[in-house]
Amino acid sequence: MIHLIEDFTVFVGGDHSITYACFKAISMKHKNCGLVIFDAHPDCYKNFNYPVHEDWLKFLIEEKVIRNDQIILIGIRNPDIKEIEFLKDNKIKFFTMKNVDSNKEDFCDLIMESCRNFESLYISIDIDVVDPAFAPGTGYLEPGGFSSRELIHYVQRLKLLKNLRAIDLVEVNPKKDINNMTSKLAARLIAEFM
């Protein structure tokens, strides 16, 4: 689903592979587009000859759709060692949940300041960045993530940025949800951007 509001677009997935095409489209329209990704996984472990939810970011990088210094990954907590090597070798900014937990407010300020360096901004939220206690309706449950309140706080701060052009929210699976907890959180996150 795509929702347009003036110069702001909301994409609702599906799996995280939608970000590949959605970001490409937005970056063609807006110069120097930064990409902030909230995700438990780096999604740069290339397995296929086309972008899937496990490697879409690597495709964007290898195809030079985005520069390495335009990417910020937040909330990683179960990466493959090859993904970490790829991120380090390519000098991509990434923050594990341990980094985020050290000082949440200062960390949020740091992200805001980094995002101001981009002419335009795209935010991608994989719902598995949230701890399964708050968002069980997703395919890859990873304990130790953001609480609902913490992620809402980040969204409330980031939506204030004047360069924000698009967001996506992906990986919600209603069939795996409990009492619609994940769906309700996803709806709330989208509503925060409206």
N, C-alpha and C. Protein backbone atom coordinates (compact mmCIF):
# COMPACT_ATOMS: atom_id res chain seq x y z
N MET A 1 0.84 -1.17 0.00
CA MET A 1 0.00 0.00 0.00
C MET A 1 0.89 1.24 0.00
N ILE A 2 0.50 2.24 -0.78
CA ILE A 2 1.23 3.49 -0.86
C ILE A 2 0.27 4.61 -0.51
N HIS A 3 0.72 5.54 0.32
CA HIS A 3 -0.10 6.68 0.70
C HIS A 3 0.73 7.94 0.48
N LEU A 4 0.24 8.87 -0.32
CA LEU A 4 0.96 10.10 -0.61
C LEU A 4 0.32 11.28 0.11
N ILE A 5 1.15 12.09 0.75
CA ILE A 5 0.69 13.32 1.38
C ILE A 5 1.66 14.40 0.94
N GLU A 6 1.21 15.26 0.04
CA GLU A 6 2.06 16.31 -0.52
C GLU A 6 3.40 15.71 -0.95
N ASP A 7 4.48 16.10 -0.28
CA ASP A 7 5.81 15.62 -0.67
C ASP A 7 6.30 14.54 0.31
N PHE A 8 5.38 13.73 0.80
CA PHE A 8 5.70 12.70 1.78
C PHE A 8 4.97 11.42 1.39
N THR A 9 5.68 10.30 1.39
CA THR A 9 5.11 9.03 0.97
C THR A 9 5.24 7.99 2.07
N VAL A 10 4.20 7.20 2.26
CA VAL A 10 4.19 6.11 3.22
C VAL A 10 3.98 4.81 2.45
N PHE A 11 4.91 3.87 2.64
CA PHE A 11 4.79 2.54 2.03
C PHE A 11 4.55 1.54 3.16
N VAL A 12 3.60 0.63 2.95
CA VAL A 12 3.33 -0.40 3.95
C VAL A 12 3.50 -1.75 3.28
N GLY A 13 4.41 -2.58 3.86
CA GLY A 13 4.71 -3.89 3.27
C GLY A 13 3.84 -4.94 3.87
N GLY A 14 4.11 -6.00 3.48
CA GLY A 14 4.98 -6.91 2.88
C GLY A 14 6.31 -7.08 3.66
N ASP A 15 7.14 -7.88 2.98
CA ASP A 15 8.43 -8.12 3.59
C ASP A 15 9.39 -6.98 3.26
N HIS A 16 10.57 -7.03 3.85
CA HIS A 16 11.47 -5.88 3.78
C HIS A 16 12.06 -5.67 2.39
N SER A 17 11.88 -6.61 1.49
CA SER A 17 12.41 -6.43 0.14
C SER A 17 11.74 -5.26 -0.59
N ILE A 18 10.55 -4.82 -0.14
CA ILE A 18 9.89 -3.69 -0.81
C ILE A 18 10.72 -2.42 -0.72
N THR A 19 11.55 -2.32 0.31
CA THR A 19 12.35 -1.11 0.50
C THR A 19 13.32 -0.90 -0.65
N TYR A 20 13.76 -1.97 -1.25
CA TYR A 20 14.68 -1.86 -2.39
C TYR A 20 14.07 -0.98 -3.48
N ALA A 21 12.90 -1.31 -3.96
CA ALA A 21 12.26 -0.55 -5.04
C ALA A 21 11.74 0.80 -4.55
N CYS A 22 11.18 0.83 -3.36
CA CYS A 22 10.63 2.08 -2.82
C CYS A 22 11.72 3.13 -2.62
N PHE A 23 12.85 2.70 -2.04
CA PHE A 23 13.94 3.66 -1.84
C PHE A 23 14.51 4.13 -3.18
N LYS A 24 14.65 3.22 -4.13
CA LYS A 24 15.16 3.60 -5.45
C LYS A 24 14.28 4.70 -6.05
N ALA A 25 12.98 4.53 -5.96
CA ALA A 25 12.06 5.52 -6.52
C ALA A 25 12.18 6.87 -5.82
N ILE A 26 12.24 6.85 -4.51
CA ILE A 26 12.34 8.11 -3.75
C ILE A 26 13.69 8.78 -4.01
N SER A 27 14.77 8.00 -4.07
CA SER A 27 16.10 8.59 -4.27
C SER A 27 16.27 9.17 -5.68
N MET A 28 15.47 8.71 -6.63
CA MET A 28 15.51 9.30 -7.97
C MET A 28 14.84 10.68 -7.98
N LYS A 29 13.91 10.87 -7.07
CA LYS A 29 13.16 12.13 -7.00
C LYS A 29 13.84 13.15 -6.09
N HIS A 30 14.53 12.66 -5.05
CA HIS A 30 15.12 13.54 -4.04
C HIS A 30 16.63 13.32 -3.96
N LYS A 31 17.40 14.39 -3.99
CA LYS A 31 18.85 14.30 -3.96
C LYS A 31 19.37 13.93 -2.58
N ASN A 32 20.58 13.34 -2.57
CA ASN A 32 21.28 13.03 -1.32
C ASN A 32 20.34 12.44 -0.28
N CYS A 33 19.67 11.37 -0.64
CA CYS A 33 18.66 10.76 0.24
C CYS A 33 19.32 9.80 1.22
N GLY A 34 19.22 10.13 2.50
CA GLY A 34 19.72 9.25 3.55
C GLY A 34 18.70 8.17 3.86
N LEU A 35 19.19 7.07 4.40
CA LEU A 35 18.33 5.93 4.73
C LEU A 35 18.59 5.50 6.16
N VAL A 36 17.58 5.66 7.00
CA VAL A 36 17.64 5.20 8.38
C VAL A 36 16.80 3.93 8.48
N ILE A 37 17.42 2.86 8.96
CA ILE A 37 16.75 1.56 9.00
C ILE A 37 16.68 1.08 10.45
N PHE A 38 15.48 0.85 10.92
CA PHE A 38 15.26 0.21 12.22
C PHE A 38 15.02 -1.27 11.94
N ASP A 39 15.93 -2.12 12.39
CA ASP A 39 15.83 -3.54 12.04
C ASP A 39 16.69 -4.36 13.00
N ALA A 40 16.23 -5.55 13.32
CA ALA A 40 17.03 -6.47 14.15
C ALA A 40 18.17 -7.08 13.34
N HIS A 41 18.05 -7.02 12.01
CA HIS A 41 19.02 -7.67 11.12
C HIS A 41 19.56 -6.66 10.10
N PRO A 42 20.82 -6.79 9.70
CA PRO A 42 21.39 -5.85 8.73
C PRO A 42 20.87 -6.02 7.29
N ASP A 43 20.33 -7.17 6.96
CA ASP A 43 19.78 -7.43 5.62
C ASP A 43 20.79 -7.19 4.50
N CYS A 44 22.00 -7.69 4.72
CA CYS A 44 23.02 -7.56 3.67
C CYS A 44 23.78 -8.88 3.50
N TYR A 45 23.08 -9.97 3.70
CA TYR A 45 23.66 -11.30 3.49
C TYR A 45 23.14 -11.83 2.17
N LYS A 46 23.90 -11.67 1.12
CA LYS A 46 23.42 -11.94 -0.23
C LYS A 46 23.32 -13.44 -0.51
N ASN A 47 22.09 -13.88 -0.78
CA ASN A 47 21.83 -15.29 -1.07
C ASN A 47 21.32 -15.51 -2.48
N PHE A 48 20.72 -14.49 -3.07
CA PHE A 48 20.00 -14.66 -4.33
C PHE A 48 20.52 -13.68 -5.39
N ASN A 49 20.04 -13.83 -6.62
CA ASN A 49 20.44 -12.95 -7.71
C ASN A 49 19.51 -11.75 -7.85
N TYR A 50 18.58 -11.61 -6.93
CA TYR A 50 17.64 -10.49 -6.92
C TYR A 50 17.37 -10.15 -5.45
N PRO A 51 16.94 -8.92 -5.17
CA PRO A 51 16.76 -8.51 -3.78
C PRO A 51 15.61 -9.25 -3.07
N VAL A 52 15.92 -9.79 -1.90
CA VAL A 52 14.91 -10.38 -1.03
C VAL A 52 15.05 -9.71 0.35
N HIS A 53 14.22 -10.11 1.27
CA HIS A 53 14.21 -9.43 2.57
C HIS A 53 15.51 -9.60 3.35
N GLU A 54 16.35 -10.55 2.98
CA GLU A 54 17.61 -10.77 3.70
C GLU A 54 18.79 -10.01 3.11
N ASP A 55 18.63 -9.44 1.90
CA ASP A 55 19.81 -8.85 1.26
C ASP A 55 19.52 -7.59 0.44
N TRP A 56 18.34 -7.03 0.55
CA TRP A 56 17.96 -5.86 -0.25
C TRP A 56 18.93 -4.70 -0.07
N LEU A 57 19.44 -4.50 1.15
CA LEU A 57 20.36 -3.38 1.40
C LEU A 57 21.67 -3.57 0.64
N LYS A 58 22.16 -4.79 0.62
CA LYS A 58 23.41 -5.06 -0.10
C LYS A 58 23.24 -4.74 -1.59
N PHE A 59 22.08 -5.04 -2.15
CA PHE A 59 21.82 -4.71 -3.55
C PHE A 59 21.85 -3.20 -3.78
N LEU A 60 21.22 -2.43 -2.90
CA LEU A 60 21.23 -0.98 -3.05
C LEU A 60 22.66 -0.43 -3.02
N ILE A 61 23.48 -0.99 -2.15
CA ILE A 61 24.87 -0.54 -2.03
C ILE A 61 25.68 -0.94 -3.26
N GLU A 62 25.58 -2.20 -3.64
CA GLU A 62 26.37 -2.70 -4.77
C GLU A 62 25.96 -2.05 -6.09
N GLU A 63 24.70 -1.68 -6.21
CA GLU A 63 24.23 -1.02 -7.43
C GLU A 63 24.47 0.49 -7.39
N LYS A 64 25.08 0.95 -6.30
CA LYS A 64 25.41 2.37 -6.12
C LYS A 64 24.17 3.27 -6.17
N VAL A 65 23.05 2.75 -5.69
CA VAL A 65 21.83 3.54 -5.54
C VAL A 65 22.01 4.48 -4.36
N ILE A 66 22.78 4.03 -3.38
CA ILE A 66 23.03 4.81 -2.17
C ILE A 66 24.51 4.69 -1.80
N ARG A 67 25.04 5.78 -1.27
CA ARG A 67 26.42 5.74 -0.78
C ARG A 67 26.44 5.16 0.64
N ASN A 68 27.53 4.56 0.99
CA ASN A 68 27.66 3.94 2.32
C ASN A 68 27.45 4.94 3.45
N ASP A 69 27.89 6.18 3.24
CA ASP A 69 27.77 7.19 4.30
C ASP A 69 26.36 7.77 4.43
N GLN A 70 25.43 7.27 3.62
CA GLN A 70 24.05 7.73 3.69
C GLN A 70 23.15 6.74 4.43
N ILE A 71 23.76 5.73 5.03
CA ILE A 71 22.99 4.66 5.68
C ILE A 71 23.24 4.66 7.18
N ILE A 72 22.16 4.53 7.95
CA ILE A 72 22.26 4.35 9.40
C ILE A 72 21.34 3.19 9.78
N LEU A 73 21.93 2.14 10.34
CA LEU A 73 21.18 0.97 10.81
C LEU A 73 21.05 1.04 12.33
N ILE A 74 19.83 0.84 12.83
CA ILE A 74 19.58 0.97 14.27
C ILE A 74 18.84 -0.26 14.79
N GLY A 75 19.32 -0.82 15.90
CA GLY A 75 18.60 -1.88 16.60
C GLY A 75 19.05 -3.29 16.29
N ILE A 76 20.18 -3.43 15.61
CA ILE A 76 20.66 -4.76 15.23
C ILE A 76 20.96 -5.58 16.48
N ARG A 77 20.54 -6.86 16.43
CA ARG A 77 20.85 -7.72 17.57
C ARG A 77 21.03 -9.19 17.22
N ASN A 78 20.90 -9.56 15.97
CA ASN A 78 21.20 -10.93 15.61
C ASN A 78 21.80 -11.00 14.21
N PRO A 79 22.96 -10.36 14.04
CA PRO A 79 23.57 -10.36 12.70
C PRO A 79 24.42 -11.60 12.46
N ASP A 80 24.54 -11.95 11.21
CA ASP A 80 25.50 -12.96 10.80
C ASP A 80 26.88 -12.30 10.81
N ILE A 81 27.91 -13.02 11.15
CA ILE A 81 29.27 -12.46 11.21
C ILE A 81 29.68 -11.87 9.87
N LYS A 82 29.23 -12.47 8.75
CA LYS A 82 29.56 -11.95 7.43
C LYS A 82 28.89 -10.59 7.19
N GLU A 83 27.72 -10.40 7.78
CA GLU A 83 27.04 -9.10 7.64
C GLU A 83 27.80 -8.01 8.39
N ILE A 84 28.27 -8.33 9.58
CA ILE A 84 29.04 -7.35 10.35
C ILE A 84 30.33 -7.02 9.62
N GLU A 85 30.97 -8.02 9.07
CA GLU A 85 32.19 -7.76 8.29
C GLU A 85 31.89 -6.85 7.11
N PHE A 86 30.78 -7.10 6.42
CA PHE A 86 30.39 -6.26 5.29
C PHE A 86 30.15 -4.82 5.74
N LEU A 87 29.44 -4.64 6.83
CA LEU A 87 29.16 -3.29 7.34
C LEU A 87 30.45 -2.57 7.72
N LYS A 88 31.34 -3.27 8.39
CA LYS A 88 32.61 -2.66 8.80
C LYS A 88 33.50 -2.37 7.59
N ASP A 89 33.61 -3.32 6.69
CA ASP A 89 34.44 -3.12 5.49
C ASP A 89 33.96 -1.94 4.65
N ASN A 90 32.66 -1.71 4.66
CA ASN A 90 32.08 -0.63 3.86
C ASN A 90 31.81 0.64 4.67
N LYS A 91 32.28 0.64 5.93
CA LYS A 91 32.15 1.81 6.81
C LYS A 91 30.71 2.34 6.89
N ILE A 92 29.79 1.42 7.08
CA ILE A 92 28.38 1.77 7.23
C ILE A 92 28.08 1.94 8.71
N LYS A 93 27.41 3.04 9.05
CA LYS A 93 27.05 3.28 10.45
C LYS A 93 25.99 2.27 10.88
N PHE A 94 26.29 1.55 11.96
CA PHE A 94 25.28 0.65 12.50
C PHE A 94 25.38 0.66 14.02
N PHE A 95 24.23 0.50 14.64
CA PHE A 95 24.14 0.55 16.09
C PHE A 95 23.33 -0.66 16.57
N THR A 96 23.95 -1.43 17.43
CA THR A 96 23.26 -2.57 18.02
C THR A 96 22.34 -2.08 19.13
N MET A 97 21.48 -2.94 19.63
CA MET A 97 20.62 -2.55 20.74
C MET A 97 21.46 -2.20 21.97
N LYS A 98 22.61 -2.83 22.11
CA LYS A 98 23.50 -2.50 23.22
C LYS A 98 23.95 -1.05 23.12
N ASN A 99 24.29 -0.58 21.90
CA ASN A 99 24.64 0.83 21.71
C ASN A 99 23.48 1.74 22.07
N VAL A 100 22.30 1.37 21.62
CA VAL A 100 21.11 2.19 21.84
C VAL A 100 20.80 2.28 23.32
N ASP A 101 20.92 1.16 24.03
CA ASP A 101 20.57 1.11 25.45
C ASP A 101 21.50 1.93 26.34
N SER A 102 22.70 2.22 25.87
CA SER A 102 23.68 2.90 26.73
C SER A 102 23.19 4.26 27.22
N ASN A 103 22.60 5.05 26.35
CA ASN A 103 22.02 6.34 26.75
C ASN A 103 21.02 6.74 25.67
N LYS A 104 19.78 6.36 25.88
CA LYS A 104 18.76 6.48 24.84
C LYS A 104 18.56 7.90 24.32
N GLU A 105 18.51 8.88 25.20
CA GLU A 105 18.23 10.25 24.76
C GLU A 105 19.40 10.85 23.99
N ASP A 106 20.62 10.63 24.48
CA ASP A 106 21.79 11.11 23.75
C ASP A 106 21.90 10.41 22.40
N PHE A 107 21.58 9.14 22.37
CA PHE A 107 21.65 8.39 21.12
C PHE A 107 20.63 8.94 20.12
N CYS A 108 19.43 9.23 20.58
CA CYS A 108 18.40 9.79 19.71
C CYS A 108 18.86 11.14 19.16
N ASP A 109 19.48 11.96 19.99
CA ASP A 109 20.03 13.25 19.54
C ASP A 109 21.08 13.04 18.45
N LEU A 110 21.94 12.04 18.64
CA LEU A 110 22.98 11.73 17.66
C LEU A 110 22.37 11.34 16.30
N ILE A 111 21.33 10.53 16.33
CA ILE A 111 20.65 10.11 15.09
C ILE A 111 20.02 11.32 14.42
N MET A 112 19.34 12.15 15.20
CA MET A 112 18.72 13.36 14.64
C MET A 112 19.76 14.24 13.96
N GLU A 113 20.88 14.46 14.62
CA GLU A 113 21.94 15.30 14.06
C GLU A 113 22.50 14.70 12.78
N SER A 114 22.70 13.40 12.76
CA SER A 114 23.20 12.73 11.55
C SER A 114 22.21 12.88 10.40
N CYS A 115 20.93 12.77 10.68
CA CYS A 115 19.89 12.85 9.64
C CYS A 115 19.79 14.25 9.05
N ARG A 116 20.14 15.25 9.80
CA ARG A 116 20.09 16.63 9.28
C ARG A 116 21.12 16.87 8.18
N ASN A 117 22.11 15.99 8.07
CA ASN A 117 23.14 16.13 7.03
C ASN A 117 22.66 15.71 5.65
N PHE A 118 21.51 15.04 5.58
CA PHE A 118 20.98 14.60 4.31
C PHE A 118 20.02 15.66 3.76
N GLU A 119 20.01 15.82 2.44
CA GLU A 119 19.04 16.74 1.82
C GLU A 119 17.63 16.17 1.94
N SER A 120 17.51 14.86 1.88
CA SER A 120 16.22 14.19 2.04
C SER A 120 16.44 12.92 2.85
N LEU A 121 15.36 12.40 3.42
CA LEU A 121 15.47 11.27 4.33
C LEU A 121 14.35 10.27 4.09
N TYR A 122 14.74 8.99 4.13
CA TYR A 122 13.81 7.86 4.02
C TYR A 122 14.03 7.02 5.28
N ILE A 123 12.95 6.68 5.97
CA ILE A 123 13.03 5.84 7.16
C ILE A 123 12.33 4.51 6.88
N SER A 124 13.02 3.42 7.17
CA SER A 124 12.46 2.08 7.01
C SER A 124 12.38 1.40 8.37
N ILE A 125 11.21 0.92 8.71
CA ILE A 125 11.00 0.25 9.99
C ILE A 125 10.58 -1.19 9.76
N ASP A 126 11.46 -2.11 10.11
CA ASP A 126 11.12 -3.53 10.15
C ASP A 126 10.59 -3.77 11.56
N ILE A 127 9.36 -4.25 11.67
CA ILE A 127 8.73 -4.38 12.98
C ILE A 127 9.50 -5.31 13.91
N ASP A 128 10.41 -6.15 13.37
CA ASP A 128 11.18 -7.02 14.26
C ASP A 128 12.24 -6.28 15.06
N VAL A 129 12.38 -4.97 14.82
CA VAL A 129 13.26 -4.17 15.67
C VAL A 129 12.68 -4.06 17.08
N VAL A 130 11.35 -4.29 17.17
CA VAL A 130 10.65 -4.24 18.46
C VAL A 130 10.76 -5.60 19.12
N ASP A 131 10.92 -5.60 20.42
CA ASP A 131 10.98 -6.85 21.18
C ASP A 131 9.69 -7.64 20.96
N PRO A 132 9.80 -8.97 20.79
CA PRO A 132 8.60 -9.78 20.56
C PRO A 132 7.57 -9.71 21.69
N ALA A 133 7.96 -9.27 22.87
CA ALA A 133 6.97 -9.09 23.94
C ALA A 133 5.95 -8.02 23.57
N PHE A 134 6.35 -7.08 22.69
CA PHE A 134 5.47 -6.00 22.25
C PHE A 134 4.97 -6.20 20.82
N ALA A 135 5.70 -6.99 20.02
CA ALA A 135 5.35 -7.19 18.61
C ALA A 135 5.64 -8.63 18.19
N PRO A 136 4.78 -9.56 18.60
CA PRO A 136 5.02 -10.97 18.27
C PRO A 136 4.65 -11.35 16.83
N GLY A 137 3.93 -10.48 16.13
CA GLY A 137 3.43 -10.82 14.81
C GLY A 137 4.40 -10.51 13.69
N THR A 138 5.50 -11.22 13.66
CA THR A 138 6.49 -11.06 12.61
C THR A 138 7.20 -12.39 12.39
N GLY A 139 7.92 -12.51 11.32
CA GLY A 139 8.52 -13.79 10.96
C GLY A 139 9.79 -14.16 11.70
N TYR A 140 10.55 -13.17 12.14
CA TYR A 140 11.85 -13.45 12.78
C TYR A 140 11.90 -12.78 14.14
N LEU A 141 11.49 -13.50 15.16
CA LEU A 141 11.44 -12.95 16.51
C LEU A 141 12.84 -12.89 17.11
N GLU A 142 13.22 -11.71 17.56
CA GLU A 142 14.54 -11.50 18.17
C GLU A 142 14.36 -10.81 19.51
N PRO A 143 14.53 -11.52 20.62
CA PRO A 143 14.40 -10.89 21.94
C PRO A 143 15.41 -9.77 22.14
N GLY A 144 15.03 -8.81 22.98
CA GLY A 144 15.95 -7.75 23.36
C GLY A 144 15.85 -6.49 22.53
N GLY A 145 14.72 -6.28 21.86
CA GLY A 145 14.58 -5.11 21.00
C GLY A 145 13.96 -3.92 21.72
N PHE A 146 13.57 -2.94 20.93
CA PHE A 146 12.90 -1.74 21.45
C PHE A 146 11.58 -2.13 22.09
N SER A 147 11.18 -1.37 23.09
CA SER A 147 9.80 -1.47 23.57
C SER A 147 8.94 -0.65 22.61
N SER A 148 7.63 -0.83 22.66
CA SER A 148 6.74 -0.02 21.84
C SER A 148 6.96 1.46 22.11
N ARG A 149 7.01 1.80 23.38
CA ARG A 149 7.16 3.21 23.77
C ARG A 149 8.46 3.81 23.24
N GLU A 150 9.55 3.04 23.32
CA GLU A 150 10.85 3.55 22.85
C GLU A 150 10.82 3.84 21.36
N LEU A 151 10.27 2.92 20.56
CA LEU A 151 10.23 3.14 19.12
C LEU A 151 9.30 4.31 18.78
N ILE A 152 8.18 4.40 19.44
CA ILE A 152 7.28 5.54 19.22
C ILE A 152 8.00 6.85 19.53
N HIS A 153 8.80 6.87 20.58
CA HIS A 153 9.57 8.08 20.92
C HIS A 153 10.52 8.46 19.78
N TYR A 154 11.24 7.50 19.22
CA TYR A 154 12.14 7.78 18.10
C TYR A 154 11.35 8.33 16.91
N VAL A 155 10.23 7.71 16.62
CA VAL A 155 9.40 8.16 15.49
C VAL A 155 8.90 9.58 15.73
N GLN A 156 8.47 9.87 16.95
CA GLN A 156 7.98 11.21 17.26
C GLN A 156 9.08 12.26 17.09
N ARG A 157 10.30 11.90 17.39
CA ARG A 157 11.43 12.82 17.19
C ARG A 157 11.78 12.95 15.71
N LEU A 158 11.92 11.81 15.02
CA LEU A 158 12.36 11.83 13.63
C LEU A 158 11.36 12.50 12.69
N LYS A 159 10.08 12.40 13.00
CA LYS A 159 9.09 13.02 12.11
C LYS A 159 9.19 14.54 12.11
N LEU A 160 9.90 15.11 13.05
CA LEU A 160 10.09 16.56 13.11
C LEU A 160 11.11 17.06 12.10
N LEU A 161 11.89 16.15 11.54
CA LEU A 161 12.91 16.55 10.58
C LEU A 161 12.27 17.08 9.30
N LYS A 162 12.73 18.24 8.85
CA LYS A 162 12.16 18.90 7.67
C LYS A 162 12.50 18.18 6.37
N ASN A 163 13.54 17.32 6.39
CA ASN A 163 13.97 16.65 5.16
C ASN A 163 13.33 15.27 4.98
N LEU A 164 12.44 14.86 5.87
CA LEU A 164 11.80 13.54 5.78
C LEU A 164 10.87 13.49 4.57
N ARG A 165 11.12 12.53 3.68
CA ARG A 165 10.35 12.42 2.44
C ARG A 165 9.54 11.13 2.34
N ALA A 166 9.97 10.07 3.04
CA ALA A 166 9.24 8.81 2.92
C ALA A 166 9.56 7.89 4.08
N ILE A 167 8.61 7.01 4.36
CA ILE A 167 8.82 5.95 5.35
C ILE A 167 8.24 4.66 4.79
N ASP A 168 8.74 3.56 5.32
CA ASP A 168 8.04 2.30 5.10
C ASP A 168 7.98 1.55 6.42
N LEU A 169 6.98 0.70 6.53
CA LEU A 169 6.84 -0.17 7.69
C LEU A 169 6.56 -1.56 7.14
N VAL A 170 7.40 -2.52 7.54
CA VAL A 170 7.35 -3.84 6.91
C VAL A 170 7.41 -4.97 7.95
N GLU A 171 7.15 -6.18 7.44
CA GLU A 171 7.31 -7.45 8.16
C GLU A 171 6.26 -7.71 9.24
N VAL A 172 5.12 -7.04 9.19
CA VAL A 172 4.03 -7.36 10.10
C VAL A 172 3.30 -8.57 9.52
N ASN A 173 3.13 -9.61 10.35
CA ASN A 173 2.45 -10.82 9.91
C ASN A 173 1.26 -11.08 10.85
N PRO A 174 0.06 -10.65 10.44
CA PRO A 174 -1.12 -10.81 11.30
C PRO A 174 -1.41 -12.25 11.71
N LYS A 175 -1.01 -13.22 10.88
CA LYS A 175 -1.26 -14.63 11.21
C LYS A 175 -0.45 -15.07 12.43
N LYS A 176 0.64 -14.40 12.71
CA LYS A 176 1.47 -14.76 13.87
C LYS A 176 1.23 -13.84 15.06
N ASP A 177 0.37 -12.86 14.89
CA ASP A 177 0.14 -11.86 15.93
C ASP A 177 -0.67 -12.44 17.09
N ILE A 178 -0.58 -11.79 18.23
CA ILE A 178 -1.35 -12.15 19.42
C ILE A 178 -2.18 -10.93 19.80
N ASN A 179 -3.49 -11.08 19.83
CA ASN A 179 -4.41 -9.99 20.19
C ASN A 179 -4.18 -8.72 19.37
N ASN A 180 -3.71 -8.87 18.14
CA ASN A 180 -3.45 -7.74 17.25
C ASN A 180 -2.44 -6.73 17.80
N MET A 181 -1.58 -7.18 18.72
CA MET A 181 -0.60 -6.27 19.33
C MET A 181 0.31 -5.63 18.28
N THR A 182 0.83 -6.44 17.37
CA THR A 182 1.77 -5.95 16.37
C THR A 182 1.06 -5.05 15.37
N SER A 183 -0.10 -5.46 14.92
CA SER A 183 -0.87 -4.65 13.96
C SER A 183 -1.23 -3.29 14.55
N LYS A 184 -1.63 -3.28 15.82
CA LYS A 184 -1.98 -2.02 16.48
C LYS A 184 -0.75 -1.11 16.62
N LEU A 185 0.39 -1.71 16.95
CA LEU A 185 1.62 -0.91 17.05
C LEU A 185 1.99 -0.35 15.68
N ALA A 186 1.90 -1.18 14.65
CA ALA A 186 2.23 -0.74 13.29
C ALA A 186 1.31 0.43 12.90
N ALA A 187 0.03 0.31 13.18
CA ALA A 187 -0.92 1.38 12.86
C ALA A 187 -0.58 2.66 13.62
N ARG A 188 -0.20 2.50 14.87
CA ARG A 188 0.18 3.68 15.68
C ARG A 188 1.43 4.34 15.11
N LEU A 189 2.42 3.56 14.72
CA LEU A 189 3.65 4.12 14.16
C LEU A 189 3.36 4.90 12.88
N ILE A 190 2.52 4.33 12.02
CA ILE A 190 2.16 5.03 10.78
C ILE A 190 1.39 6.31 11.10
N ALA A 191 0.46 6.22 12.03
CA ALA A 191 -0.34 7.39 12.42
C ALA A 191 0.55 8.51 12.94
N GLU A 192 1.63 8.17 13.63
CA GLU A 192 2.55 9.18 14.16
C GLU A 192 3.15 10.03 13.05
N PHE A 193 3.31 9.48 11.85
CA PHE A 193 3.91 10.22 10.75
C PHE A 193 2.89 11.08 10.00
N MET A 194 1.61 10.86 10.24
CA MET A 194 0.58 11.61 9.49
C MET A 194 0.34 12.98 10.08
